[in-house]
């Protein structure tokens, strides 16, 4: 099921503390914890909707499954739970 690029970006920026990263060709967001960038993904400016394949690619870049990324944007996974997933995966301590 396609997802709106704007909704996904807003979810990451507002709910999960990601920050915009200046790029020339793409919009990008990154999550930095204790001065270390732990997750990063980009969005092509030409995208309006994100299909399931691209959602899966973005999820991998954020160290979650596509299902977990959907749940993050549907408010089923909180920021604290996302950070716990990153800890379990060894991405943060």
C-alpha atoms as a PDB file:
ATOM      1  CA  UNK A   1       0.000   0.000   0.000  1.00  0.00           C
ATOM      2  CA  UNK A   2       1.545   3.348  -1.038  1.00  0.00           C
ATOM      3  CA  UNK A   3       2.418   5.809   1.694  1.00  0.00           C
ATOM      4  CA  UNK A   4       2.698   9.567   1.332  1.00  0.00           C
ATOM      5  CA  UNK A   5       6.290  10.829   1.344  1.00  0.00           C
ATOM      6  CA  UNK A   6       5.235  13.915   3.303  1.00  0.00           C
ATOM      7  CA  UNK A   7       3.471  11.849   5.991  1.00  0.00           C
ATOM      8  CA  UNK A   8       6.480   9.570   6.430  1.00  0.00           C
ATOM      9  CA  UNK A   9       8.908  12.494   6.639  1.00  0.00           C
ATOM     10  CA  UNK A  10       6.695  14.312   9.128  1.00  0.00           C
ATOM     11  CA  UNK A  11       6.404  11.164  11.238  1.00  0.00           C
ATOM     12  CA  UNK A  12      10.179  10.771  11.457  1.00  0.00           C
ATOM     13  CA  UNK A  13      10.809  14.463  12.092  1.00  0.00           C
ATOM     14  CA  UNK A  14       8.070  15.132  14.608  1.00  0.00           C
ATOM     15  CA  UNK A  15       7.555  11.865  16.477  1.00  0.00           C
ATOM     16  CA  UNK A  16      11.013  10.322  16.420  1.00  0.00           C
ATOM     17  CA  UNK A  17      13.372  13.283  16.600  1.00  0.00           C
ATOM     18  CA  UNK A  18      14.993  12.942  13.191  1.00  0.00           C
ATOM     19  CA  UNK A  19      16.495  16.108  11.725  1.00  0.00           C
ATOM     20  CA  UNK A  20      16.608  17.342   8.147  1.00  0.00           C
ATOM     21  CA  UNK A  21      19.982  16.994   6.454  1.00  0.00           C
ATOM     22  CA  UNK A  22      20.941  19.362   3.655  1.00  0.00           C
ATOM     23  CA  UNK A  23      21.445  17.476   0.398  1.00  0.00           C
ATOM     24  CA  UNK A  24      21.585  18.694  -3.172  1.00  0.00           C
ATOM     25  CA  UNK A  25      19.517  16.073  -5.023  1.00  0.00           C
ATOM     26  CA  UNK A  26      17.436  14.519  -2.253  1.00  0.00           C
ATOM     27  CA  UNK A  27      15.655  15.404   0.951  1.00  0.00           C
ATOM     28  CA  UNK A  28      17.298  13.511   3.801  1.00  0.00           C
ATOM     29  CA  UNK A  29      16.670  12.875   7.489  1.00  0.00           C
ATOM     30  CA  UNK A  30      18.999  11.559  10.168  1.00  0.00           C
ATOM     31  CA  UNK A  31      18.719  10.512  13.798  1.00  0.00           C
ATOM     32  CA  UNK A  32      21.667  11.582  15.923  1.00  0.00           C
ATOM     33  CA  UNK A  33      22.111  10.318  19.464  1.00  0.00           C
ATOM     34  CA  UNK A  34      24.966  11.515  21.681  1.00  0.00           C
ATOM     35  CA  UNK A  35      26.648  13.109  18.671  1.00  0.00           C
ATOM     36  CA  UNK A  36      26.570   9.879  16.640  1.00  0.00           C
ATOM     37  CA  UNK A  37      24.398   9.459  13.551  1.00  0.00           C
ATOM     38  CA  UNK A  38      22.597   6.163  14.086  1.00  0.00           C
ATOM     39  CA  UNK A  39      19.994   6.214  11.308  1.00  0.00           C
ATOM     40  CA  UNK A  40      19.807   8.013   7.972  1.00  0.00           C
ATOM     41  CA  UNK A  41      17.583   7.869   4.907  1.00  0.00           C
ATOM     42  CA  UNK A  42      16.768  10.027   1.928  1.00  0.00           C
ATOM     43  CA  UNK A  43      13.691  10.816  -0.127  1.00  0.00           C
ATOM     44  CA  UNK A  44      13.834  11.745  -3.793  1.00  0.00           C
ATOM     45  CA  UNK A  45      12.208  15.096  -4.396  1.00  0.00           C
ATOM     46  CA  UNK A  46      10.279  13.569  -7.305  1.00  0.00           C
ATOM     47  CA  UNK A  47       8.479  11.042  -5.068  1.00  0.00           C
ATOM     48  CA  UNK A  48       4.966  11.807  -3.958  1.00  0.00           C
ATOM     49  CA  UNK A  49       4.055   8.304  -2.780  1.00  0.00           C
ATOM     50  CA  UNK A  50       6.315   5.555  -1.474  1.00  0.00           C
ATOM     51  CA  UNK A  51       5.491   2.029  -2.627  1.00  0.00           C
ATOM     52  CA  UNK A  52       6.080  -1.108  -0.533  1.00  0.00           C
ATOM     53  CA  UNK A  53       9.495  -1.791  -2.101  1.00  0.00           C
ATOM     54  CA  UNK A  54      10.782   1.696  -1.304  1.00  0.00           C
ATOM     55  CA  UNK A  55       9.230   1.553   2.167  1.00  0.00           C
ATOM     56  CA  UNK A  56      11.231  -1.632   2.769  1.00  0.00           C
ATOM     57  CA  UNK A  57      14.436   0.079   1.614  1.00  0.00           C
ATOM     58  CA  UNK A  58      13.811   3.043   3.911  1.00  0.00           C
ATOM     59  CA  UNK A  59      13.021   0.703   6.813  1.00  0.00           C
ATOM     60  CA  UNK A  60      16.343  -1.118   6.361  1.00  0.00           C
ATOM     61  CA  UNK A  61      18.187   2.199   6.440  1.00  0.00           C
ATOM     62  CA  UNK A  62      16.412   2.989   9.729  1.00  0.00           C
ATOM     63  CA  UNK A  63      17.264  -0.489  11.146  1.00  0.00           C
ATOM     64  CA  UNK A  64      13.645  -1.713  11.363  1.00  0.00           C
ATOM     65  CA  UNK A  65      11.351  -3.902   9.287  1.00  0.00           C
ATOM     66  CA  UNK A  66       8.787  -2.403   6.912  1.00  0.00           C
ATOM     67  CA  UNK A  67       6.061  -3.585   9.298  1.00  0.00           C
ATOM     68  CA  UNK A  68       7.745  -1.796  12.216  1.00  0.00           C
ATOM     69  CA  UNK A  69       8.126   1.389  10.145  1.00  0.00           C
ATOM     70  CA  UNK A  70       4.414   1.324   9.326  1.00  0.00           C
ATOM     71  CA  UNK A  71       3.663   0.816  13.027  1.00  0.00           C
ATOM     72  CA  UNK A  72       5.915   3.755  13.911  1.00  0.00           C
ATOM     73  CA  UNK A  73       3.866   6.039  11.668  1.00  0.00           C
ATOM     74  CA  UNK A  74       0.574   4.621  12.935  1.00  0.00           C
ATOM     75  CA  UNK A  75       1.640   5.380  16.536  1.00  0.00           C
ATOM     76  CA  UNK A  76       1.816   1.681  17.479  1.00  0.00           C
ATOM     77  CA  UNK A  77       5.562   2.054  18.180  1.00  0.00           C
ATOM     78  CA  UNK A  78       6.731   4.998  20.280  1.00  0.00           C
ATOM     79  CA  UNK A  79      10.084   6.755  20.126  1.00  0.00           C
ATOM     80  CA  UNK A  80      11.164   4.876  23.265  1.00  0.00           C
ATOM     81  CA  UNK A  81      10.245   1.550  21.655  1.00  0.00           C
ATOM     82  CA  UNK A  82      12.159   2.511  18.489  1.00  0.00           C
ATOM     83  CA  UNK A  83      15.227   3.349  20.579  1.00  0.00           C
ATOM     84  CA  UNK A  84      14.842  -0.025  22.327  1.00  0.00           C
ATOM     85  CA  UNK A  85      14.864  -1.726  18.888  1.00  0.00           C
ATOM     86  CA  UNK A  86      18.062   0.147  18.034  1.00  0.00           C
ATOM     87  CA  UNK A  87      19.634  -0.920  21.346  1.00  0.00           C
ATOM     88  CA  UNK A  88      18.672  -4.549  20.781  1.00  0.00           C
ATOM     89  CA  UNK A  89      20.241  -4.372  17.335  1.00  0.00           C
ATOM     90  CA  UNK A  90      23.448  -2.930  18.786  1.00  0.00           C
ATOM     91  CA  UNK A  91      23.057   0.413  16.963  1.00  0.00           C
ATOM     92  CA  UNK A  92      23.096   2.411  20.206  1.00  0.00           C
ATOM     93  CA  UNK A  93      24.097   1.625  23.774  1.00  0.00           C
END
